C-alpha atoms as a PDB file:
ATOM      1  CA  MET A   1       8.435  11.475 -19.511  1.00  0.00           C
ATOM      2  CA  ASN A   2       8.325  12.160 -15.779  1.00  0.00           C
ATOM      3  CA  ARG A   3      11.367  13.487 -13.961  1.00  0.00           C
ATOM      4  CA  ILE A   4      12.436  12.146 -10.570  1.00  0.00           C
ATOM      5  CA  ILE A   5      12.580  15.080  -8.162  1.00  0.00           C
ATOM      6  CA  SER A   6      13.924  13.284  -5.119  1.00  0.00           C
ATOM      7  CA  LYS A   7      14.745   9.831  -3.777  1.00  0.00           C
ATOM      8  CA  LYS A   8      15.083   8.810  -0.149  1.00  0.00           C
ATOM      9  CA  ARG A   9      15.931   5.436   1.361  1.00  0.00           C
ATOM     10  CA  LEU A  10      13.400   4.617   4.075  1.00  0.00           C
ATOM     11  CA  SER A  11      14.610   1.156   5.049  1.00  0.00           C
ATOM     12  CA  PRO A  12      16.533  -1.708   3.438  1.00  0.00           C
ATOM     13  CA  ASP A  13      15.192  -2.098  -0.133  1.00  0.00           C
ATOM     14  CA  VAL A  14      12.431   0.505   0.429  1.00  0.00           C
ATOM     15  CA  TYR A  15      12.658   3.938  -1.215  1.00  0.00           C
ATOM     16  CA  GLU A  16      10.508   7.047  -1.357  1.00  0.00           C
ATOM     17  CA  ILE A  17      10.524   8.495  -4.885  1.00  0.00           C
ATOM     18  CA  THR A  18       8.934  11.821  -5.774  1.00  0.00           C
ATOM     19  CA  LEU A  19       8.010  12.315  -9.427  1.00  0.00           C
ATOM     20  CA  GLU A  20       7.060  15.387 -11.417  1.00  0.00           C
ATOM     21  CA  ALA A  21       3.452  14.693 -12.492  1.00  0.00           C
ATOM     22  CA  PRO A  22       1.297  17.845 -12.191  1.00  0.00           C
ATOM     23  CA  LEU A  23      -1.888  16.488 -13.807  1.00  0.00           C
ATOM     24  CA  ILE A  24      -1.874  13.378 -11.641  1.00  0.00           C
ATOM     25  CA  ALA A  25      -1.070  15.385  -8.504  1.00  0.00           C
ATOM     26  CA  GLY A  26      -4.086  17.594  -9.099  1.00  0.00           C
ATOM     27  CA  ALA A  27      -6.501  14.763  -9.799  1.00  0.00           C
ATOM     28  CA  ARG A  28      -5.546  11.938  -7.442  1.00  0.00           C
ATOM     29  CA  LYS A  29      -7.622  10.850  -4.468  1.00  0.00           C
ATOM     30  CA  ALA A  30      -6.864   8.622  -1.503  1.00  0.00           C
ATOM     31  CA  GLY A  31      -6.547   4.952  -2.444  1.00  0.00           C
ATOM     32  CA  GLN A  32      -5.715   5.445  -6.125  1.00  0.00           C
ATOM     33  CA  PHE A  33      -2.623   4.111  -7.877  1.00  0.00           C
ATOM     34  CA  LEU A  34      -0.312   4.639 -10.851  1.00  0.00           C
ATOM     35  CA  ILE A  35       1.137   2.370 -13.504  1.00  0.00           C
ATOM     36  CA  VAL A  36       4.861   2.974 -14.048  1.00  0.00           C
ATOM     37  CA  GLN A  37       7.052   1.742 -16.927  1.00  0.00           C
ATOM     38  CA  ILE A  38      10.672   2.625 -16.436  1.00  0.00           C
ATOM     39  CA  ASP A  39      12.352   1.586 -19.673  1.00  0.00           C
ATOM     40  CA  SER A  40      10.231   1.383 -22.788  1.00  0.00           C
ATOM     41  CA  ALA A  41       6.787   0.666 -24.134  1.00  0.00           C
ATOM     42  CA  TRP A  42       7.672  -3.035 -23.867  1.00  0.00           C
ATOM     43  CA  GLY A  43       8.831  -2.860 -20.242  1.00  0.00           C
ATOM     44  CA  GLU A  44       6.966  -4.318 -17.285  1.00  0.00           C
ATOM     45  CA  ARG A  45       4.011  -2.342 -15.965  1.00  0.00           C
ATOM     46  CA  ILE A  46       4.351  -1.738 -12.217  1.00  0.00           C
ATOM     47  CA  PRO A  47       1.245  -0.743 -10.217  1.00  0.00           C
ATOM     48  CA  LEU A  48       2.199   1.559  -7.325  1.00  0.00           C
ATOM     49  CA  THR A  49      -0.229   3.208  -4.924  1.00  0.00           C
ATOM     50  CA  ILE A  50       0.199   6.959  -4.525  1.00  0.00           C
ATOM     51  CA  ALA A  51       1.621   7.588  -1.046  1.00  0.00           C
ATOM     52  CA  ASP A  52       1.375  11.387  -1.176  1.00  0.00           C
ATOM     53  CA  ALA A  53       0.920  14.265  -3.618  1.00  0.00           C
ATOM     54  CA  ASP A  54       1.494  18.009  -3.756  1.00  0.00           C
ATOM     55  CA  SER A  55      -0.796  19.684  -6.265  1.00  0.00           C
ATOM     56  CA  GLY A  56       1.000  23.028  -5.815  1.00  0.00           C
ATOM     57  CA  ALA A  57       4.406  21.564  -6.617  1.00  0.00           C
ATOM     58  CA  GLY A  58       2.923  19.194  -9.205  1.00  0.00           C
ATOM     59  CA  THR A  59       4.499  16.094  -7.669  1.00  0.00           C
ATOM     60  CA  VAL A  60       3.436  12.636  -6.551  1.00  0.00           C
ATOM     61  CA  THR A  61       5.258  10.452  -4.063  1.00  0.00           C
ATOM     62  CA  LEU A  62       5.621   6.694  -4.422  1.00  0.00           C
ATOM     63  CA  VAL A  63       7.095   4.238  -1.955  1.00  0.00           C
ATOM     64  CA  VAL A  64       8.811   1.394  -3.781  1.00  0.00           C
ATOM     65  CA  GLN A  65      10.070  -1.861  -2.322  1.00  0.00           C
ATOM     66  CA  ALA A  66      12.747  -3.457  -4.485  1.00  0.00           C
ATOM     67  CA  VAL A  67      11.302  -6.943  -4.768  1.00  0.00           C
ATOM     68  CA  GLY A  68      11.200  -7.854  -8.455  1.00  0.00           C
ATOM     69  CA  ALA A  69      13.442  -7.068 -11.409  1.00  0.00           C
ATOM     70  CA  SER A  70      11.617  -3.879 -12.455  1.00  0.00           C
ATOM     71  CA  THR A  71      11.401  -2.391  -8.963  1.00  0.00           C
ATOM     72  CA  HIS A  72      15.118  -3.041  -8.487  1.00  0.00           C
ATOM     73  CA  ARG A  73      15.796  -1.064 -11.670  1.00  0.00           C
ATOM     74  CA  LEU A  74      13.445   1.731 -10.599  1.00  0.00           C
ATOM     75  CA  VAL A  75      15.159   2.315  -7.250  1.00  0.00           C
ATOM     76  CA  GLN A  76      18.531   2.511  -9.017  1.00  0.00           C
ATOM     77  CA  LYS A  77      17.408   5.725 -10.705  1.00  0.00           C
ATOM     78  CA  GLU A  78      18.477   9.076  -9.228  1.00  0.00           C
ATOM     79  CA  PRO A  79      16.984  12.603  -9.043  1.00  0.00           C
ATOM     80  CA  GLY A  80      17.003  14.122 -12.523  1.00  0.00           C
ATOM     81  CA  ASP A  81      16.501  10.764 -14.246  1.00  0.00           C
ATOM     82  CA  LEU A  82      13.358  10.205 -16.287  1.00  0.00           C
ATOM     83  CA  VAL A  83      10.654   7.576 -15.913  1.00  0.00           C
ATOM     84  CA  GLU A  84       9.343   6.884 -19.377  1.00  0.00           C
ATOM     85  CA  ASN A  85       5.664   6.176 -18.740  1.00  0.00           C
ATOM     86  CA  VAL A  86       3.448   7.081 -15.783  1.00  0.00           C
ATOM     87  CA  LEU A  87      -0.301   6.467 -16.072  1.00  0.00           C
ATOM     88  CA  GLY A  88      -2.903   7.518 -13.534  1.00  0.00           C
ATOM     89  CA  PRO A  89      -4.606   8.111 -11.278  1.00  0.00           C
ATOM     90  CA  LEU A  90      -6.271   4.710 -11.597  1.00  0.00           C
ATOM     91  CA  GLY A  91      -8.625   2.667  -9.455  1.00  0.00           C
ATOM     92  CA  ASN A  92     -11.582   3.674  -7.352  1.00  0.00           C
ATOM     93  CA  PRO A  93     -10.858   6.143  -4.552  1.00  0.00           C
ATOM     94  CA  THR A  94     -11.270   5.117  -0.942  1.00  0.00           C
ATOM     95  CA  ARG A  95     -14.755   5.591   0.482  1.00  0.00           C
ATOM     96  CA  ILE A  96     -14.216   8.654   2.650  1.00  0.00           C
ATOM     97  CA  GLU A  97     -16.973   9.980   4.872  1.00  0.00           C
ATOM     98  CA  GLN A  98     -17.574  10.985   8.461  1.00  0.00           C
ATOM     99  CA  PHE A  99     -17.891   7.556  10.062  1.00  0.00           C
ATOM    100  CA  GLY A 100     -17.057   8.688  13.602  1.00  0.00           C
ATOM    101  CA  ALA A 101     -13.999   6.756  14.738  1.00  0.00           C
ATOM    102  CA  VAL A 102     -11.797   4.994  12.180  1.00  0.00           C
ATOM    103  CA  VAL A 103      -8.911   2.650  12.959  1.00  0.00           C
ATOM    104  CA  CYS A 104      -6.308   2.432  10.175  1.00  0.00           C
ATOM    105  CA  VAL A 105      -3.817  -0.442  10.130  1.00  0.00           C
ATOM    106  CA  GLY A 106      -0.660  -0.521   8.010  1.00  0.00           C
ATOM    107  CA  GLY A 107       1.643  -3.525   7.869  1.00  0.00           C
ATOM    108  CA  GLY A 108       5.193  -3.062   6.554  1.00  0.00           C
ATOM    109  CA  ILE A 109       5.238  -1.028   3.357  1.00  0.00           C
ATOM    110  CA  GLY A 110       1.436  -0.862   3.603  1.00  0.00           C
ATOM    111  CA  ALA A 111       1.878   2.153   5.897  1.00  0.00           C
ATOM    112  CA  ALA A 112       2.705   4.262   2.811  1.00  0.00           C
ATOM    113  CA  PRO A 113      -0.541   3.752   0.824  1.00  0.00           C
ATOM    114  CA  LEU A 114      -2.421   4.009   4.133  1.00  0.00           C
ATOM    115  CA  PHE A 115      -1.154   7.568   4.692  1.00  0.00           C
ATOM    116  CA  PRO A 116      -3.451   9.362   2.181  1.00  0.00           C
ATOM    117  CA  ILE A 117      -6.396   7.494   3.675  1.00  0.00           C
ATOM    118  CA  VAL A 118      -5.456   8.629   7.175  1.00  0.00           C
ATOM    119  CA  GLN A 119      -5.200  12.214   5.900  1.00  0.00           C
ATOM    120  CA  ALA A 120      -8.565  12.034   4.137  1.00  0.00           C
ATOM    121  CA  MET A 121     -10.342  10.361   7.058  1.00  0.00           C
ATOM    122  CA  LYS A 122      -9.078  13.067   9.396  1.00  0.00           C
ATOM    123  CA  ALA A 123     -10.088  15.848   6.987  1.00  0.00           C
ATOM    124  CA  ALA A 124     -13.595  14.345   6.867  1.00  0.00           C
ATOM    125  CA  GLY A 125     -13.945  14.904  10.602  1.00  0.00           C
ATOM    126  CA  ASN A 126     -13.226  11.413  11.937  1.00  0.00           C
ATOM    127  CA  ARG A 127     -11.366  10.436  15.072  1.00  0.00           C
ATOM    128  CA  VAL A 128      -8.448   8.549  13.559  1.00  0.00           C
ATOM    129  CA  LEU A 129      -6.658   5.724  15.359  1.00  0.00           C
ATOM    130  CA  ALA A 130      -3.661   4.260  13.558  1.00  0.00           C
ATOM    131  CA  ILE A 131      -1.485   1.183  13.924  1.00  0.00           C
ATOM    132  CA  ILE A 132       1.817   0.722  12.081  1.00  0.00           C
ATOM    133  CA  GLY A 133       3.460  -2.692  12.197  1.00  0.00           C
ATOM    134  CA  ALA A 134       6.833  -3.951  10.986  1.00  0.00           C
ATOM    135  CA  ARG A 135       9.224  -6.794  11.664  1.00  0.00           C
ATOM    136  CA  SER A 136      11.780  -4.497  13.329  1.00  0.00           C
ATOM    137  CA  ARG A 137      12.560  -0.829  14.055  1.00  0.00           C
ATOM    138  CA  GLU A 138      14.498  -0.248  10.825  1.00  0.00           C
ATOM    139  CA  LEU A 139      11.468  -1.303   8.770  1.00  0.00           C
ATOM    140  CA  VAL A 140       9.001   1.149  10.352  1.00  0.00           C
ATOM    141  CA  ILE A 141       8.057   3.817   7.797  1.00  0.00           C
ATOM    142  CA  PHE A 142       5.841   6.911   7.657  1.00  0.00           C
ATOM    143  CA  GLU A 143       5.542   7.311  11.439  1.00  0.00           C
ATOM    144  CA  ASP A 144       6.435  11.023  11.335  1.00  0.00           C
ATOM    145  CA  ARG A 145       4.060  11.703   8.425  1.00  0.00           C
ATOM    146  CA  MET A 146       1.203   9.827  10.041  1.00  0.00           C
ATOM    147  CA  ARG A 147       1.353  11.215  13.577  1.00  0.00           C
ATOM    148  CA  PRO A 148      -0.005  14.763  12.922  1.00  0.00           C
ATOM    149  CA  PHE A 149      -3.169  13.303  11.354  1.00  0.00           C
ATOM    150  CA  THR A 150      -3.978  10.763  14.067  1.00  0.00           C
ATOM    151  CA  ASP A 151      -5.606  11.019  17.470  1.00  0.00           C
ATOM    152  CA  GLU A 152      -3.655   7.972  18.592  1.00  0.00           C
ATOM    153  CA  LEU A 153      -0.818   6.130  16.870  1.00  0.00           C
ATOM    154  CA  ILE A 154       0.525   2.769  18.007  1.00  0.00           C
ATOM    155  CA  ILE A 155       3.742   1.230  16.668  1.00  0.00           C
ATOM    156  CA  VAL A 156       4.299  -2.511  16.955  1.00  0.00           C
ATOM    157  CA  THR A 157       7.260  -4.639  15.887  1.00  0.00           C
ATOM    158  CA  ASP A 158       7.602  -8.394  15.711  1.00  0.00           C
ATOM    159  CA  ASP A 159      10.912  -8.373  17.605  1.00  0.00           C
ATOM    160  CA  GLY A 160      10.064  -5.620  20.096  1.00  0.00           C
ATOM    161  CA  SER A 161      12.921  -3.388  18.907  1.00  0.00           C
ATOM    162  CA  TYR A 162      10.546  -0.400  18.676  1.00  0.00           C
ATOM    163  CA  GLY A 163       7.123   0.340  20.090  1.00  0.00           C
ATOM    164  CA  ARG A 164       5.262  -2.665  21.411  1.00  0.00           C
ATOM    165  CA  LYS A 165       6.304  -6.261  20.788  1.00  0.00           C
ATOM    166  CA  ALA A 166       3.133  -7.458  19.110  1.00  0.00           C
ATOM    167  CA  LEU A 167       1.325  -8.094  15.852  1.00  0.00           C
ATOM    168  CA  VAL A 168      -0.990  -5.379  14.544  1.00  0.00           C
ATOM    169  CA  THR A 169      -4.008  -7.477  15.476  1.00  0.00           C
ATOM    170  CA  GLU A 170      -3.301  -7.018  19.188  1.00  0.00           C
ATOM    171  CA  PRO A 171      -3.918  -3.242  19.377  1.00  0.00           C
ATOM    172  CA  LEU A 172      -6.638  -3.611  16.742  1.00  0.00           C
ATOM    173  CA  LYS A 173      -8.443  -6.016  19.069  1.00  0.00           C
ATOM    174  CA  GLU A 174      -8.026  -3.560  21.952  1.00  0.00           C
ATOM    175  CA  PHE A 175      -9.561  -0.740  19.923  1.00  0.00           C
ATOM    176  CA  CYS A 176     -12.436  -2.932  18.762  1.00  0.00           C
ATOM    177  CA  ALA A 177     -13.089  -4.237  22.273  1.00  0.00           C
ATOM    178  CA  ALA A 178     -13.207  -0.756  23.814  1.00  0.00           C
ATOM    179  CA  GLU A 179     -16.446   0.554  25.265  1.00  0.00           C
ATOM    180  CA  THR A 180     -16.710   2.902  22.282  1.00  0.00           C
ATOM    181  CA  ARG A 181     -15.679   0.723  19.368  1.00  0.00           C
ATOM    182  CA  PRO A 182     -14.509   2.081  15.981  1.00  0.00           C
ATOM    183  CA  ASP A 183     -17.161   2.685  13.344  1.00  0.00           C
ATOM    184  CA  MET A 184     -14.863   1.619  10.501  1.00  0.00           C
ATOM    185  CA  ALA A 185     -11.494  -0.072  10.029  1.00  0.00           C
ATOM    186  CA  VAL A 186      -9.046   0.032   7.122  1.00  0.00           C
ATOM    187  CA  ALA A 187      -6.146  -2.396   6.666  1.00  0.00           C
ATOM    188  CA  ILE A 188      -3.344  -2.389   4.094  1.00  0.00           C
ATOM    189  CA  GLY A 189      -0.406  -4.782   4.133  1.00  0.00           C
ATOM    190  CA  PRO A 190       0.503  -8.378   3.337  1.00  0.00           C
ATOM    191  CA  PRO A 191      -2.551 -10.510   2.520  1.00  0.00           C
ATOM    192  CA  VAL A 192      -2.110 -12.733   5.579  1.00  0.00           C
ATOM    193  CA  MET A 193      -2.025  -9.639   7.807  1.00  0.00           C
ATOM    194  CA  MET A 194      -5.194  -8.267   6.243  1.00  0.00           C
ATOM    195  CA  LYS A 195      -6.863 -11.655   6.594  1.00  0.00           C
ATOM    196  CA  PHE A 196      -6.329 -11.654  10.355  1.00  0.00           C
ATOM    197  CA  CYS A 197      -7.256  -7.984  10.683  1.00  0.00           C
ATOM    198  CA  VAL A 198     -10.584  -8.860   9.055  1.00  0.00           C
ATOM    199  CA  LYS A 199     -11.041 -11.774  11.440  1.00  0.00           C
ATOM    200  CA  THR A 200     -10.224  -9.586  14.461  1.00  0.00           C
ATOM    201  CA  ALA A 201     -12.544  -6.729  13.454  1.00  0.00           C
ATOM    202  CA  GLY A 202     -15.263  -9.217  12.554  1.00  0.00           C
ATOM    203  CA  GLU A 203     -15.308 -10.633  16.085  1.00  0.00           C
ATOM    204  CA  PHE A 204     -16.622  -7.259  17.256  1.00  0.00           C
ATOM    205  CA  GLY A 205     -18.829  -6.443  14.291  1.00  0.00           C
ATOM    206  CA  VAL A 206     -16.565  -3.642  13.037  1.00  0.00           C
ATOM    207  CA  PRO A 207     -16.729  -3.227   9.232  1.00  0.00           C
ATOM    208  CA  ILE A 208     -13.311  -3.242   7.559  1.00  0.00           C
ATOM    209  CA  MET A 209     -11.981  -2.205   4.150  1.00  0.00           C
ATOM    210  CA  VAL A 210      -8.831  -3.787   2.700  1.00  0.00           C
ATOM    211  CA  SER A 211      -6.648  -2.848  -0.260  1.00  0.00           C
ATOM    212  CA  LEU A 212      -5.627  -5.715  -2.555  1.00  0.00           C
ATOM    213  CA  ASN A 213      -3.164  -3.692  -4.647  1.00  0.00           C
ATOM    214  CA  THR A 214      -0.339  -6.244  -4.264  1.00  0.00           C
ATOM    215  CA  ILE A 215      -1.943  -8.627  -6.755  1.00  0.00           C
ATOM    216  CA  MET A 216      -2.347  -6.099  -9.596  1.00  0.00           C
ATOM    217  CA  ILE A 217      -0.390  -6.318 -12.853  1.00  0.00           C
ATOM    218  CA  ASP A 218      -1.518  -4.259 -15.845  1.00  0.00           C
ATOM    219  CA  GLY A 219      -3.928  -1.920 -14.047  1.00  0.00           C
ATOM    220  CA  THR A 220      -6.593  -1.834 -16.760  1.00  0.00           C
ATOM    221  CA  GLY A 221      -8.514  -5.082 -16.264  1.00  0.00           C
ATOM    222  CA  MET A 222      -7.306  -6.655 -19.523  1.00  0.00           C
ATOM    223  CA  CYS A 223      -4.835  -9.247 -18.276  1.00  0.00           C
ATOM    224  CA  GLY A 224      -7.046 -10.881 -15.647  1.00  0.00           C
ATOM    225  CA  GLY A 225      -4.069 -11.412 -13.362  1.00  0.00           C
ATOM    226  CA  CYS A 226      -5.668  -9.532 -10.473  1.00  0.00           C
ATOM    227  CA  ARG A 227      -8.940 -11.411 -10.341  1.00  0.00           C
ATOM    228  CA  VAL A 228     -10.118 -12.205  -6.847  1.00  0.00           C
ATOM    229  CA  THR A 229     -13.244 -13.695  -5.326  1.00  0.00           C
ATOM    230  CA  VAL A 230     -15.254 -11.156  -3.361  1.00  0.00           C
ATOM    231  CA  GLY A 231     -18.652 -12.076  -1.997  1.00  0.00           C
ATOM    232  CA  GLY A 232     -18.584 -15.252  -4.080  1.00  0.00           C
ATOM    233  CA  LYS A 233     -18.145 -13.299  -7.323  1.00  0.00           C
ATOM    234  CA  THR A 234     -15.104 -12.677  -9.507  1.00  0.00           C
ATOM    235  CA  ARG A 235     -13.764  -9.148  -9.275  1.00  0.00           C
ATOM    236  CA  PHE A 236     -10.752  -7.447 -10.832  1.00  0.00           C
ATOM    237  CA  VAL A 237      -8.732  -5.470  -8.301  1.00  0.00           C
ATOM    238  CA  CYS A 238      -7.503  -2.797 -10.703  1.00  0.00           C
ATOM    239  CA  VAL A 239     -10.925  -1.753 -12.040  1.00  0.00           C
ATOM    240  CA  ASP A 240     -13.364  -2.913  -9.338  1.00  0.00           C
ATOM    241  CA  GLY A 241     -11.032  -1.965  -6.464  1.00  0.00           C
ATOM    242  CA  PRO A 242      -8.374  -1.816  -5.268  1.00  0.00           C
ATOM    243  CA  GLU A 243     -10.365  -1.657  -2.016  1.00  0.00           C
ATOM    244  CA  PHE A 244     -13.066  -4.084  -0.991  1.00  0.00           C
ATOM    245  CA  ASP A 245     -15.136  -5.047   2.019  1.00  0.00           C
ATOM    246  CA  GLY A 246     -12.646  -7.299   3.790  1.00  0.00           C
ATOM    247  CA  ARG A 247     -15.382  -9.537   5.147  1.00  0.00           C
ATOM    248  CA  GLU A 248     -16.197 -10.676   1.600  1.00  0.00           C
ATOM    249  CA  VAL A 249     -12.653 -11.335   0.303  1.00  0.00           C
ATOM    250  CA  ASP A 250     -11.497 -14.926  -0.232  1.00  0.00           C
ATOM    251  CA  PHE A 251      -7.942 -14.450   1.046  1.00  0.00           C
ATOM    252  CA  GLU A 252      -6.962 -18.116   0.695  1.00  0.00           C
ATOM    253  CA  ASN A 253      -7.715 -18.028  -3.031  1.00  0.00           C
ATOM    254  CA  MET A 254      -5.866 -14.733  -3.411  1.00  0.00           C
ATOM    255  CA  MET A 255      -2.737 -15.954  -1.623  1.00  0.00           C
ATOM    256  CA  THR A 256      -2.689 -19.166  -3.657  1.00  0.00           C
ATOM    257  CA  ARG A 257      -2.859 -17.193  -6.898  1.00  0.00           C
ATOM    258  CA  MET A 258      -0.104 -14.804  -5.774  1.00  0.00           C
ATOM    259  CA  ARG A 259       2.281 -17.781  -5.483  1.00  0.00           C
ATOM    260  CA  ALA A 260       1.632 -18.907  -9.063  1.00  0.00           C
ATOM    261  CA  PHE A 261       4.656 -17.153 -10.587  1.00  0.00           C
ATOM    262  CA  LYS A 262       6.995 -17.246  -7.575  1.00  0.00           C
ATOM    263  CA  GLU A 263       9.610 -19.425  -9.288  1.00  0.00           C
ATOM    264  CA  ARG A 264       9.737 -17.125 -12.319  1.00  0.00           C
ATOM    265  CA  GLU A 265       9.829 -14.026 -10.117  1.00  0.00           C
ATOM    266  CA  ASP A 266      12.704 -15.412  -8.024  1.00  0.00           C
ATOM    267  CA  ARG A 267      14.677 -16.255 -11.175  1.00  0.00           C
ATOM    268  CA  ASP A 268      14.171 -12.792 -12.702  1.00  0.00           C
ATOM    269  CA  ARG A 269      15.048 -11.061  -9.429  1.00  0.00           C
ATOM    270  CA  HIS A 270      18.273 -13.075  -9.128  1.00  0.00           C
ATOM    271  CA  ARG A 271      19.252 -12.244 -12.720  1.00  0.00           C
ATOM    272  CA  CYS A 272      18.456  -8.553 -12.205  1.00  0.00           C
ATOM    273  CA  ARG A 273      20.576  -8.307  -9.054  1.00  0.00           C
ATOM    274  CA  LEU A 274      23.466  -9.901 -10.908  1.00  0.00           C
ATOM    275  CA  ASP A 275      23.056  -7.415 -13.786  1.00  0.00           C
ATOM    276  CA  LEU A 276      23.056  -4.475 -11.360  1.00  0.00           C
ATOM    277  CA  GLY A 277      26.043  -5.760  -9.396  1.00  0.00           C
ATOM    278  CA  LEU A 278      24.032  -6.217  -6.186  1.00  0.00           C
ATOM    279  CA  GLU A 279      24.394  -8.955  -3.587  1.00  0.00           C
ATOM    280  CA  VAL A 280      22.354 -12.062  -4.407  1.00  0.00           C
END
């Protein structure tokens, strides 16, 4: 059992939840994730990337977007409530080294799992450039956490309500086209965003890592639900990743597979919102 220490609403349907998990807090590294089961041994397994951790306090922080039935139930919990099963840290840590200059791109809720990578890249002695993108001002998250660890931080919104009116690929292109280009790029966000970040970085020969955590299910490699094609070979995101060389990822195949259960997911989400008395 893991106790919820705090819960904070970051934007509509997005919550920051801090859990008591001292062993995980002491062992986790940037890029790793947890598996959370909120109800029972038969409940859905939810893979969630660790957004922050405090080894002294023995806590880990997760950022949860209420999208499916289980995440809706998770964000209904309050400080003091228990989460029945928390497993981790899982997955391979991010490759952290002194590259030189690193540009880190977070789209939407992807800014949260990007944060530990920004911290680690800065601690390794890199010049860190960061881009956070969202549809509108109210959906921008982790700006205040990110800023102290970056040499330059650019905010973009689709509607221009905050920062620059642009997609994340616009400032990414500017960084890559500069006289001194980045030595490495990292992108986390919706698959289509990562796809175009890879294309943009590739035009300038900048290597780029992407995190494919959104396709994971059981987190142990047994279900096969997170299989992706990387470099022409089948890989499992939860055990071979979650991060891969973006230039080798078949994003079209990944996005097609992610739509496979959309009808079932929509039905379960609708039923869950009705059960919880939320607007549908």
